[in-house]
Amino acid sequence: MYAIDLHCDTMSKLVEQGRATLLRENDLNVDIGKLQAGNFAAQFFALFVDMAKAENPLEHCLRMVDRFHLELVANHEAIRLATTQAELLKNQDEGKISAFLTIEEGGVLKGELANLRNFHRLGVRLLTLTWNYPNELGFPNALPDCRGKGLTEFGREVVAEMNRLGMLVDVSHLSDQGFYDVAATSSQPFVASHSNARAITGHARNLTDEMIRLLAEKGGVTGLTFARSFLADPPRSHVEDIVRHAKHIRQVGGIDVIAIGSDFDGTKPPLEVADSGEIGKLIDGLAAAGFSTNEIEKICYGNAMRLIREVLG
């Protein structure tokens, strides 16, 4: 069974740790060998920018884009950029993993649509509108006084331009009102790349039942995240907790709204699914909980593939 993961922070970790840490093989949650062991068709690589630490967020993000492309050149026999479903399927036929490029922090645009278009030209196909700080697009759910604040006018312009370009709008980290504003603004399905169910675990970044239903109605997906604070905040991230969230989301929004968004290399260990090579533990856990083979295929691969086809082309 193939897998697609909508969110990892591995590329940011590679940049943080320097040239000695490579995508080919490393001690992180994701590398090429682990992706191959887990039978991954595609991995979405987020370029995460902490606006409080980056002196120039745009330049910092561009350096990460450069590192991403250098890693793909160095490992061209195993992994290749994908920007559409056709490219993903071509890579898959040739035995290569597809790498989708994403940005986690809309503040890197510095309030300019030109920067969005230039990132699109560089291969970026998903933008997480905010991280944990307010920016020119909107407000984060991390701050309680921001949760009722929605998209700015520029944020609405960004969503519309992303729709035009064929980019995935990501509402993970966005305020509650921002979620509803995206749902009202976007003409295309959108994604919560790494969020679980708030009814099961009351983390502000998880989705309410109303959000899950609306996301499903809009044809979007939420990526099950393995971060333990999003699951139940136990000492360890457990498969049974991921499955519990999957069951609830299926009950509320249906099977077609569930995908995988591990947040590998962006979440703290220990993890029962320790890395990409161990995704079979989640597959086994879903099967043991009564999910059918068809349902598991949708969670692991099919729903993300549909979203890629419908939005990216």
C-alpha atoms as a PDB file:
ATOM      1  CA  MET A   1       0.000   0.000   0.000  1.00  0.00           C
ATOM      2  CA  TYR A   2       1.330   3.416  -0.981  1.00  0.00           C
ATOM      3  CA  ALA A   3       1.408   6.367   1.411  1.00  0.00           C
ATOM      4  CA  ILE A   4       1.380  10.154   1.052  1.00  0.00           C
ATOM      5  CA  ASP A   5       2.320  12.393   3.980  1.00  0.00           C
ATOM      6  CA  LEU A   6       1.065  15.980   3.782  1.00  0.00           C
ATOM      7  CA  HIS A   7       3.462  17.493   6.327  1.00  0.00           C
ATOM      8  CA  CYS A   8       6.962  17.028   7.699  1.00  0.00           C
ATOM      9  CA  ASP A   9       9.567  19.541   8.882  1.00  0.00           C
ATOM     10  CA  THR A  10      12.549  17.507   7.728  1.00  0.00           C
ATOM     11  CA  MET A  11      13.907  20.009   5.212  1.00  0.00           C
ATOM     12  CA  SER A  12      13.939  22.727   7.855  1.00  0.00           C
ATOM     13  CA  LYS A  13      15.832  20.378  10.184  1.00  0.00           C
ATOM     14  CA  LEU A  14      18.400  19.661   7.460  1.00  0.00           C
ATOM     15  CA  VAL A  15      19.049  23.373   7.053  1.00  0.00           C
ATOM     16  CA  GLU A  16      19.178  23.872  10.823  1.00  0.00           C
ATOM     17  CA  GLN A  17      21.713  21.070  11.301  1.00  0.00           C
ATOM     18  CA  GLY A  18      23.921  22.084   8.373  1.00  0.00           C
ATOM     19  CA  ARG A  19      25.487  20.294   5.436  1.00  0.00           C
ATOM     20  CA  ALA A  20      26.488  17.253   7.495  1.00  0.00           C
ATOM     21  CA  THR A  21      22.852  16.125   7.684  1.00  0.00           C
ATOM     22  CA  LEU A  22      21.553  14.849   4.355  1.00  0.00           C
ATOM     23  CA  LEU A  23      18.197  13.722   3.040  1.00  0.00           C
ATOM     24  CA  ARG A  24      19.685  10.460   1.765  1.00  0.00           C
ATOM     25  CA  GLU A  25      20.317   9.107   5.266  1.00  0.00           C
ATOM     26  CA  ASN A  26      20.035  10.765   8.661  1.00  0.00           C
ATOM     27  CA  ASP A  27      18.910  10.249  12.263  1.00  0.00           C
ATOM     28  CA  LEU A  28      15.687  12.233  11.732  1.00  0.00           C
ATOM     29  CA  ASN A  29      12.179  10.814  11.258  1.00  0.00           C
ATOM     30  CA  VAL A  30      12.379  11.139   7.468  1.00  0.00           C
ATOM     31  CA  ASP A  31      15.053  10.241   4.958  1.00  0.00           C
ATOM     32  CA  ILE A  32      15.012   8.547   1.584  1.00  0.00           C
ATOM     33  CA  GLY A  33      15.668   5.090   2.973  1.00  0.00           C
ATOM     34  CA  LYS A  34      12.839   5.402   5.497  1.00  0.00           C
ATOM     35  CA  LEU A  35      10.445   6.711   2.841  1.00  0.00           C
ATOM     36  CA  GLN A  36      11.314   3.747   0.632  1.00  0.00           C
ATOM     37  CA  ALA A  37      10.845   1.318   3.525  1.00  0.00           C
ATOM     38  CA  GLY A  38       7.393   2.806   4.177  1.00  0.00           C
ATOM     39  CA  ASN A  39       6.435   2.616   0.472  1.00  0.00           C
ATOM     40  CA  PHE A  40       5.793   6.359   0.252  1.00  0.00           C
ATOM     41  CA  ALA A  41       4.584   7.634  -3.089  1.00  0.00           C
ATOM     42  CA  ALA A  42       4.988  11.239  -1.960  1.00  0.00           C
ATOM     43  CA  GLN A  43       6.225  13.365   0.912  1.00  0.00           C
ATOM     44  CA  PHE A  44       5.238  17.011   1.361  1.00  0.00           C
ATOM     45  CA  PHE A  45       8.293  18.879   2.687  1.00  0.00           C
ATOM     46  CA  ALA A  46       7.449  22.022   4.666  1.00  0.00           C
ATOM     47  CA  LEU A  47       9.841  24.936   4.794  1.00  0.00           C
ATOM     48  CA  PHE A  48       9.123  26.170   8.308  1.00  0.00           C
ATOM     49  CA  VAL A  49      10.069  29.739   9.192  1.00  0.00           C
ATOM     50  CA  ASP A  50       9.943  31.032  12.773  1.00  0.00           C
ATOM     51  CA  MET A  51       9.201  34.725  12.299  1.00  0.00           C
ATOM     52  CA  ALA A  52      10.558  35.513  15.757  1.00  0.00           C
ATOM     53  CA  LYS A  53      13.977  34.089  14.898  1.00  0.00           C
ATOM     54  CA  ALA A  54      14.476  34.712  11.171  1.00  0.00           C
ATOM     55  CA  GLU A  55      16.090  38.116  10.586  1.00  0.00           C
ATOM     56  CA  ASN A  56      14.781  38.127   7.010  1.00  0.00           C
ATOM     57  CA  PRO A  57      12.036  35.479   6.650  1.00  0.00           C
ATOM     58  CA  LEU A  58      11.865  35.726   2.850  1.00  0.00           C
ATOM     59  CA  GLU A  59      15.605  35.273   2.369  1.00  0.00           C
ATOM     60  CA  HIS A  60      15.683  32.463   4.926  1.00  0.00           C
ATOM     61  CA  CYS A  61      12.893  30.649   3.108  1.00  0.00           C
ATOM     62  CA  LEU A  62      14.646  31.092  -0.251  1.00  0.00           C
ATOM     63  CA  ARG A  63      17.789  29.501   1.209  1.00  0.00           C
ATOM     64  CA  MET A  64      15.690  26.517   2.261  1.00  0.00           C
ATOM     65  CA  VAL A  65      14.181  26.297  -1.235  1.00  0.00           C
ATOM     66  CA  ASP A  66      17.733  26.136  -2.595  1.00  0.00           C
ATOM     67  CA  ARG A  67      18.663  23.357  -0.161  1.00  0.00           C
ATOM     68  CA  PHE A  68      15.534  21.420  -1.137  1.00  0.00           C
ATOM     69  CA  HIS A  69      16.433  21.519  -4.825  1.00  0.00           C
ATOM     70  CA  LEU A  70      20.086  20.651  -4.130  1.00  0.00           C
ATOM     71  CA  GLU A  71      18.958  17.562  -2.197  1.00  0.00           C
ATOM     72  CA  LEU A  72      16.748  16.489  -5.106  1.00  0.00           C
ATOM     73  CA  VAL A  73      19.651  16.860  -7.549  1.00  0.00           C
ATOM     74  CA  ALA A  74      21.930  14.841  -5.274  1.00  0.00           C
ATOM     75  CA  ASN A  75      19.338  12.062  -4.963  1.00  0.00           C
ATOM     76  CA  HIS A  76      17.721  12.191  -8.402  1.00  0.00           C
ATOM     77  CA  GLU A  77      17.800   8.425  -8.756  1.00  0.00           C
ATOM     78  CA  ALA A  78      15.414   8.035  -5.800  1.00  0.00           C
ATOM     79  CA  ILE A  79      13.343  11.204  -5.398  1.00  0.00           C
ATOM     80  CA  ARG A  80      12.023  13.875  -7.741  1.00  0.00           C
ATOM     81  CA  LEU A  81      10.023  17.084  -7.531  1.00  0.00           C
ATOM     82  CA  ALA A  82       6.294  16.790  -8.221  1.00  0.00           C
ATOM     83  CA  THR A  83       3.894  19.673  -8.745  1.00  0.00           C
ATOM     84  CA  THR A  84       0.924  17.804 -10.273  1.00  0.00           C
ATOM     85  CA  GLN A  85      -0.752  14.425 -10.128  1.00  0.00           C
ATOM     86  CA  ALA A  86       0.680  13.530 -13.539  1.00  0.00           C
ATOM     87  CA  GLU A  87       4.218  14.140 -12.268  1.00  0.00           C
ATOM     88  CA  LEU A  88       3.521  12.087  -9.142  1.00  0.00           C
ATOM     89  CA  LEU A  89       2.233   9.159 -11.213  1.00  0.00           C
ATOM     90  CA  LYS A  90       5.193   9.397 -13.609  1.00  0.00           C
ATOM     91  CA  ASN A  91       7.613   9.347 -10.682  1.00  0.00           C
ATOM     92  CA  GLN A  92       5.736   6.417  -9.170  1.00  0.00           C
ATOM     93  CA  ASP A  93       5.927   4.460 -12.452  1.00  0.00           C
ATOM     94  CA  GLU A  94       9.677   5.062 -12.498  1.00  0.00           C
ATOM     95  CA  GLY A  95      10.127   3.906  -8.909  1.00  0.00           C
ATOM     96  CA  LYS A  96      10.835   7.375  -7.545  1.00  0.00           C
ATOM     97  CA  ILE A  97       9.384   9.137  -4.507  1.00  0.00           C
ATOM     98  CA  SER A  98       7.659  12.450  -5.234  1.00  0.00           C
ATOM     99  CA  ALA A  99       8.692  15.498  -3.225  1.00  0.00           C
ATOM    100  CA  PHE A 100       6.112  18.278  -2.928  1.00  0.00           C
ATOM    101  CA  LEU A 101       7.395  21.617  -1.674  1.00  0.00           C
ATOM    102  CA  THR A 102       5.398  23.606   0.895  1.00  0.00           C
ATOM    103  CA  ILE A 103       5.887  26.653   3.112  1.00  0.00           C
ATOM    104  CA  GLU A 104       4.748  26.841   6.730  1.00  0.00           C
ATOM    105  CA  GLU A 105       4.324  30.565   7.463  1.00  0.00           C
ATOM    106  CA  GLY A 106       2.593  33.007   5.131  1.00  0.00           C
ATOM    107  CA  GLY A 107       4.624  35.843   6.623  1.00  0.00           C
ATOM    108  CA  VAL A 108       7.470  34.974   4.239  1.00  0.00           C
ATOM    109  CA  LEU A 109       5.437  36.666   1.497  1.00  0.00           C
ATOM    110  CA  LYS A 110       6.037  40.027   3.218  1.00  0.00           C
ATOM    111  CA  GLY A 111       2.628  41.208   2.059  1.00  0.00           C
ATOM    112  CA  GLU A 112       3.441  40.819  -1.647  1.00  0.00           C
ATOM    113  CA  LEU A 113       1.518  38.609  -4.078  1.00  0.00           C
ATOM    114  CA  ALA A 114       4.589  38.703  -6.330  1.00  0.00           C
ATOM    115  CA  ASN A 115       6.445  36.633  -3.727  1.00  0.00           C
ATOM    116  CA  LEU A 116       3.651  34.037  -3.775  1.00  0.00           C
ATOM    117  CA  ARG A 117       3.912  33.782  -7.564  1.00  0.00           C
ATOM    118  CA  ASN A 118       7.694  33.503  -7.408  1.00  0.00           C
ATOM    119  CA  PHE A 119       7.494  30.701  -4.851  1.00  0.00           C
ATOM    120  CA  HIS A 120       5.010  28.958  -7.146  1.00  0.00           C
ATOM    121  CA  ARG A 121       7.560  29.246  -9.972  1.00  0.00           C
ATOM    122  CA  LEU A 122      10.128  27.609  -7.660  1.00  0.00           C
ATOM    123  CA  GLY A 123       7.817  24.625  -7.138  1.00  0.00           C
ATOM    124  CA  VAL A 124       5.889  25.504  -3.971  1.00  0.00           C
ATOM    125  CA  ARG A 125       2.409  23.982  -4.112  1.00  0.00           C
ATOM    126  CA  LEU A 126       1.067  24.414  -0.566  1.00  0.00           C
ATOM    127  CA  LEU A 127       1.151  27.355   1.825  1.00  0.00           C
ATOM    128  CA  THR A 128       0.273  27.155   5.525  1.00  0.00           C
ATOM    129  CA  LEU A 129      -1.225  30.631   5.928  1.00  0.00           C
ATOM    130  CA  THR A 130       0.043  31.267   9.458  1.00  0.00           C
ATOM    131  CA  TRP A 131       2.217  29.630  12.069  1.00  0.00           C
ATOM    132  CA  ASN A 132       1.947  30.786  15.688  1.00  0.00           C
ATOM    133  CA  TYR A 133       2.140  34.546  15.127  1.00  0.00           C
ATOM    134  CA  PRO A 134      -0.151  37.060  13.433  1.00  0.00           C
ATOM    135  CA  ASN A 135       1.028  37.985   9.949  1.00  0.00           C
ATOM    136  CA  GLU A 136      -0.194  39.942   6.917  1.00  0.00           C
ATOM    137  CA  LEU A 137      -2.618  37.121   5.996  1.00  0.00           C
ATOM    138  CA  GLY A 138      -4.341  36.400   9.280  1.00  0.00           C
ATOM    139  CA  PHE A 139      -4.091  35.187  12.856  1.00  0.00           C
ATOM    140  CA  PRO A 140      -2.995  31.987  14.617  1.00  0.00           C
ATOM    141  CA  ASN A 141      -4.973  29.680  16.877  1.00  0.00           C
ATOM    142  CA  ALA A 142      -1.967  29.486  19.203  1.00  0.00           C
ATOM    143  CA  LEU A 143      -2.954  32.826  20.762  1.00  0.00           C
ATOM    144  CA  PRO A 144      -6.354  32.804  22.530  1.00  0.00           C
ATOM    145  CA  ASP A 145      -7.106  36.445  21.716  1.00  0.00           C
ATOM    146  CA  CYS A 146      -6.545  35.761  18.007  1.00  0.00           C
ATOM    147  CA  ARG A 147      -8.967  32.850  17.583  1.00  0.00           C
ATOM    148  CA  GLY A 148     -11.928  35.062  16.745  1.00  0.00           C
ATOM    149  CA  LYS A 149      -9.985  37.100  14.182  1.00  0.00           C
ATOM    150  CA  GLY A 150     -10.146  36.057  10.549  1.00  0.00           C
ATOM    151  CA  LEU A 151      -8.298  36.586   7.305  1.00  0.00           C
ATOM    152  CA  THR A 152      -7.073  40.054   6.445  1.00  0.00           C
ATOM    153  CA  GLU A 153      -7.915  41.564   3.075  1.00  0.00           C
ATOM    154  CA  PHE A 154      -4.471  40.501   1.877  1.00  0.00           C
ATOM    155  CA  GLY A 155      -5.156  37.010   3.207  1.00  0.00           C
ATOM    156  CA  ARG A 156      -8.266  36.819   1.049  1.00  0.00           C
ATOM    157  CA  GLU A 157      -6.249  37.993  -1.948  1.00  0.00           C
ATOM    158  CA  VAL A 158      -3.666  35.277  -1.273  1.00  0.00           C
ATOM    159  CA  VAL A 159      -6.342  32.576  -1.104  1.00  0.00           C
ATOM    160  CA  ALA A 160      -7.851  33.774  -4.399  1.00  0.00           C
ATOM    161  CA  GLU A 161      -4.453  33.872  -6.088  1.00  0.00           C
ATOM    162  CA  MET A 162      -3.579  30.411  -4.781  1.00  0.00           C
ATOM    163  CA  ASN A 163      -6.844  29.150  -6.264  1.00  0.00           C
ATOM    164  CA  ARG A 164      -5.878  30.700  -9.595  1.00  0.00           C
ATOM    165  CA  LEU A 165      -2.354  29.297  -9.537  1.00  0.00           C
ATOM    166  CA  GLY A 166      -3.381  25.833  -8.401  1.00  0.00           C
ATOM    167  CA  MET A 167      -1.914  25.779  -4.889  1.00  0.00           C
ATOM    168  CA  LEU A 168      -3.230  24.102  -1.754  1.00  0.00           C
ATOM    169  CA  VAL A 169      -4.450  26.468   0.954  1.00  0.00           C
ATOM    170  CA  ASP A 170      -3.487  25.040   4.367  1.00  0.00           C
ATOM    171  CA  VAL A 171      -5.445  26.100   7.468  1.00  0.00           C
ATOM    172  CA  SER A 172      -3.451  24.193  10.084  1.00  0.00           C
ATOM    173  CA  HIS A 173      -2.312  26.823  12.644  1.00  0.00           C
ATOM    174  CA  LEU A 174      -4.915  29.325  11.385  1.00  0.00           C
ATOM    175  CA  SER A 175      -7.443  30.871  13.789  1.00  0.00           C
ATOM    176  CA  ASP A 176     -10.955  29.437  14.043  1.00  0.00           C
ATOM    177  CA  GLN A 177     -12.437  32.459  12.269  1.00  0.00           C
ATOM    178  CA  GLY A 178      -9.690  32.235   9.668  1.00  0.00           C
ATOM    179  CA  PHE A 179     -10.770  28.658   8.948  1.00  0.00           C
ATOM    180  CA  TYR A 180     -14.323  29.807   8.250  1.00  0.00           C
ATOM    181  CA  ASP A 181     -13.059  32.714   6.147  1.00  0.00           C
ATOM    182  CA  VAL A 182     -11.015  30.319   3.985  1.00  0.00           C
ATOM    183  CA  ALA A 183     -14.063  28.074   3.602  1.00  0.00           C
ATOM    184  CA  ALA A 184     -16.090  31.071   2.440  1.00  0.00           C
ATOM    185  CA  THR A 185     -13.344  32.512   0.206  1.00  0.00           C
ATOM    186  CA  SER A 186     -11.712  29.535  -1.472  1.00  0.00           C
ATOM    187  CA  SER A 187     -13.208  28.240  -4.695  1.00  0.00           C
ATOM    188  CA  GLN A 188     -11.116  25.072  -4.370  1.00  0.00           C
ATOM    189  CA  PRO A 189     -10.873  22.330  -1.735  1.00  0.00           C
ATOM    190  CA  PHE A 190      -8.444  23.213   1.045  1.00  0.00           C
ATOM    191  CA  VAL A 191      -6.464  21.254   3.595  1.00  0.00           C
ATOM    192  CA  ALA A 192      -5.613  21.121   7.288  1.00  0.00           C
ATOM    193  CA  SER A 193      -2.272  19.461   6.662  1.00  0.00           C
ATOM    194  CA  HIS A 194      -1.610  18.349  10.247  1.00  0.00           C
ATOM    195  CA  SER A 195      -4.619  18.581  12.574  1.00  0.00           C
ATOM    196  CA  ASN A 196      -6.710  16.057  14.510  1.00  0.00           C
ATOM    197  CA  ALA A 197     -10.145  16.169  16.216  1.00  0.00           C
ATOM    198  CA  ARG A 198     -10.729  18.760  18.955  1.00  0.00           C
ATOM    199  CA  ALA A 199     -13.656  16.762  20.354  1.00  0.00           C
ATOM    200  CA  ILE A 200     -11.195  13.995  21.267  1.00  0.00           C
ATOM    201  CA  THR A 201      -8.278  16.174  22.356  1.00  0.00           C
ATOM    202  CA  GLY A 202      -8.884  19.827  23.135  1.00  0.00           C
ATOM    203  CA  HIS A 203      -5.772  21.202  21.456  1.00  0.00           C
ATOM    204  CA  ALA A 204      -6.552  24.552  19.819  1.00  0.00           C
ATOM    205  CA  ARG A 205      -4.935  23.406  16.576  1.00  0.00           C
ATOM    206  CA  ASN A 206      -7.278  20.443  16.239  1.00  0.00           C
ATOM    207  CA  LEU A 207     -10.516  20.814  14.265  1.00  0.00           C
ATOM    208  CA  THR A 208     -13.970  21.074  15.802  1.00  0.00           C
ATOM    209  CA  ASP A 209     -16.689  18.747  14.524  1.00  0.00           C
ATOM    210  CA  GLU A 210     -18.259  21.677  12.672  1.00  0.00           C
ATOM    211  CA  MET A 211     -14.928  22.354  10.952  1.00  0.00           C
ATOM    212  CA  ILE A 212     -14.520  18.694  10.017  1.00  0.00           C
ATOM    213  CA  ARG A 213     -17.979  18.622   8.440  1.00  0.00           C
ATOM    214  CA  LEU A 214     -17.362  21.855   6.539  1.00  0.00           C
ATOM    215  CA  LEU A 215     -13.936  20.684   5.361  1.00  0.00           C
ATOM    216  CA  ALA A 216     -15.547  17.481   4.078  1.00  0.00           C
ATOM    217  CA  GLU A 217     -18.308  19.436   2.319  1.00  0.00           C
ATOM    218  CA  LYS A 218     -15.659  21.523   0.574  1.00  0.00           C
ATOM    219  CA  GLY A 219     -13.828  18.394  -0.600  1.00  0.00           C
ATOM    220  CA  GLY A 220     -10.777  18.977   1.576  1.00  0.00           C
ATOM    221  CA  VAL A 221      -8.825  16.714   3.911  1.00  0.00           C
ATOM    222  CA  THR A 222      -7.186  16.833   7.315  1.00  0.00           C
ATOM    223  CA  GLY A 223      -3.883  15.071   7.845  1.00  0.00           C
ATOM    224  CA  LEU A 224      -3.743  12.909  10.970  1.00  0.00           C
ATOM    225  CA  THR A 225      -0.798  14.207  12.968  1.00  0.00           C
ATOM    226  CA  PHE A 226       1.340  12.014  15.217  1.00  0.00           C
ATOM    227  CA  ALA A 227       2.197  14.833  17.675  1.00  0.00           C
ATOM    228  CA  ARG A 228       1.300  13.543  21.121  1.00  0.00           C
ATOM    229  CA  SER A 229      -0.159  16.841  22.368  1.00  0.00           C
ATOM    230  CA  PHE A 230      -2.668  16.628  19.506  1.00  0.00           C
ATOM    231  CA  LEU A 231      -3.567  13.040  20.421  1.00  0.00           C
ATOM    232  CA  ALA A 232      -3.983  12.954  24.190  1.00  0.00           C
ATOM    233  CA  ASP A 233      -0.703  14.388  25.513  1.00  0.00           C
ATOM    234  CA  PRO A 234       0.578  11.061  26.828  1.00  0.00           C
ATOM    235  CA  PRO A 235       4.309  10.484  27.486  1.00  0.00           C
ATOM    236  CA  ARG A 236       4.450   8.845  24.069  1.00  0.00           C
ATOM    237  CA  SER A 237       2.600   9.205  20.768  1.00  0.00           C
ATOM    238  CA  HIS A 238       0.571   5.989  20.414  1.00  0.00           C
ATOM    239  CA  VAL A 239      -0.999   4.411  17.349  1.00  0.00           C
ATOM    240  CA  GLU A 240      -4.199   3.684  19.292  1.00  0.00           C
ATOM    241  CA  ASP A 241      -4.672   7.422  19.872  1.00  0.00           C
ATOM    242  CA  ILE A 242      -4.153   8.241  16.186  1.00  0.00           C
ATOM    243  CA  VAL A 243      -6.740   5.578  15.352  1.00  0.00           C
ATOM    244  CA  ARG A 244      -9.165   7.021  17.923  1.00  0.00           C
ATOM    245  CA  HIS A 245      -9.009  10.386  16.153  1.00  0.00           C
ATOM    246  CA  ALA A 246      -9.403   8.705  12.758  1.00  0.00           C
ATOM    247  CA  LYS A 247     -12.553   6.915  13.949  1.00  0.00           C
ATOM    248  CA  HIS A 248     -14.069  10.139  15.240  1.00  0.00           C
ATOM    249  CA  ILE A 249     -13.259  12.104  12.093  1.00  0.00           C
ATOM    250  CA  ARG A 250     -14.740   9.301   9.959  1.00  0.00           C
ATOM    251  CA  GLN A 251     -17.927   9.394  12.035  1.00  0.00           C
ATOM    252  CA  VAL A 252     -18.245  13.184  11.730  1.00  0.00           C
ATOM    253  CA  GLY A 253     -17.038  13.919   8.205  1.00  0.00           C
ATOM    254  CA  GLY A 254     -16.760  10.584   6.441  1.00  0.00           C
ATOM    255  CA  ILE A 255     -13.762   8.578   5.298  1.00  0.00           C
ATOM    256  CA  ASP A 256     -12.949  10.907   2.375  1.00  0.00           C
ATOM    257  CA  VAL A 257     -11.800  13.745   4.647  1.00  0.00           C
ATOM    258  CA  ILE A 258      -8.947  11.814   6.329  1.00  0.00           C
ATOM    259  CA  ALA A 259      -5.307  11.762   5.192  1.00  0.00           C
ATOM    260  CA  ILE A 260      -1.887  11.626   6.869  1.00  0.00           C
ATOM    261  CA  GLY A 261       0.039  14.687   8.061  1.00  0.00           C
ATOM    262  CA  SER A 262       2.574  13.178  10.427  1.00  0.00           C
ATOM    263  CA  ASP A 263       4.451  16.361  11.426  1.00  0.00           C
ATOM    264  CA  PHE A 264       7.589  14.215  11.455  1.00  0.00           C
ATOM    265  CA  ASP A 265      10.658  16.177  12.552  1.00  0.00           C
ATOM    266  CA  GLY A 266       8.354  18.889  13.859  1.00  0.00           C
ATOM    267  CA  THR A 267       7.071  16.946  16.845  1.00  0.00           C
ATOM    268  CA  LYS A 268       8.784  15.682  19.952  1.00  0.00           C
ATOM    269  CA  PRO A 269       9.607  11.987  20.451  1.00  0.00           C
ATOM    270  CA  PRO A 270       9.009   9.358  21.584  1.00  0.00           C
ATOM    271  CA  LEU A 271       6.689   8.186  18.807  1.00  0.00           C
ATOM    272  CA  GLU A 272       5.308   4.678  18.423  1.00  0.00           C
ATOM    273  CA  VAL A 273       5.490   5.265  14.656  1.00  0.00           C
ATOM    274  CA  ALA A 274       9.100   6.322  15.029  1.00  0.00           C
ATOM    275  CA  ASP A 275       9.758   7.293  11.421  1.00  0.00           C
ATOM    276  CA  SER A 276       8.441   7.015   7.866  1.00  0.00           C
ATOM    277  CA  GLY A 277       9.655   3.451   7.602  1.00  0.00           C
ATOM    278  CA  GLU A 278       7.251   2.396  10.371  1.00  0.00           C
ATOM    279  CA  ILE A 279       4.019   3.657   8.796  1.00  0.00           C
ATOM    280  CA  GLY A 280       2.923   0.008   8.668  1.00  0.00           C
ATOM    281  CA  LYS A 281       2.230   0.239  12.410  1.00  0.00           C
ATOM    282  CA  LEU A 282      -0.522   2.768  11.696  1.00  0.00           C
ATOM    283  CA  ILE A 283      -1.889   0.650   8.842  1.00  0.00           C
ATOM    284  CA  ASP A 284      -2.011  -2.373  11.154  1.00  0.00           C
ATOM    285  CA  GLY A 285      -3.667  -0.298  13.886  1.00  0.00           C
ATOM    286  CA  LEU A 286      -6.362   0.943  11.535  1.00  0.00           C
ATOM    287  CA  ALA A 287      -7.036  -2.591  10.311  1.00  0.00           C
ATOM    288  CA  ALA A 288      -7.251  -3.918  13.876  1.00  0.00           C
ATOM    289  CA  ALA A 289      -9.805  -1.177  14.652  1.00  0.00           C
ATOM    290  CA  GLY A 290     -12.061  -2.342  11.845  1.00  0.00           C
ATOM    291  CA  PHE A 291     -11.141   0.016   9.024  1.00  0.00           C
ATOM    292  CA  SER A 292     -11.521  -1.759   5.683  1.00  0.00           C
ATOM    293  CA  THR A 293      -8.658  -2.105   3.198  1.00  0.00           C
ATOM    294  CA  ASN A 294     -10.375   0.452   0.969  1.00  0.00           C
ATOM    295  CA  GLU A 295     -10.742   2.912   3.854  1.00  0.00           C
ATOM    296  CA  ILE A 296      -7.101   2.525   4.857  1.00  0.00           C
ATOM    297  CA  GLU A 297      -6.015   3.063   1.253  1.00  0.00           C
ATOM    298  CA  LYS A 298      -8.013   6.291   1.187  1.00  0.00           C
ATOM    299  CA  ILE A 299      -6.414   7.525   4.417  1.00  0.00           C
ATOM    300  CA  CYS A 300      -2.892   6.620   3.384  1.00  0.00           C
ATOM    301  CA  TYR A 301      -3.006   7.569  -0.289  1.00  0.00           C
ATOM    302  CA  GLY A 302      -6.310   7.973  -2.098  1.00  0.00           C
ATOM    303  CA  ASN A 303      -7.745  11.062  -0.423  1.00  0.00           C
ATOM    304  CA  ALA A 304      -4.498  13.020  -0.728  1.00  0.00           C
ATOM    305  CA  MET A 305      -4.184  11.909  -4.345  1.00  0.00           C
ATOM    306  CA  ARG A 306      -7.702  13.144  -5.082  1.00  0.00           C
ATOM    307  CA  LEU A 307      -6.899  16.520  -3.541  1.00  0.00           C
ATOM    308  CA  ILE A 308      -3.699  16.780  -5.597  1.00  0.00           C
ATOM    309  CA  ARG A 309      -5.619  15.978  -8.775  1.00  0.00           C
ATOM    310  CA  GLU A 310      -8.434  18.430  -8.080  1.00  0.00           C
ATOM    311  CA  VAL A 311      -6.318  21.396  -6.955  1.00  0.00           C
ATOM    312  CA  LEU A 312      -2.824  21.000  -8.427  1.00  0.00           C
ATOM    313  CA  GLY A 313      -3.926  19.410 -11.683  1.00  0.00           C
END
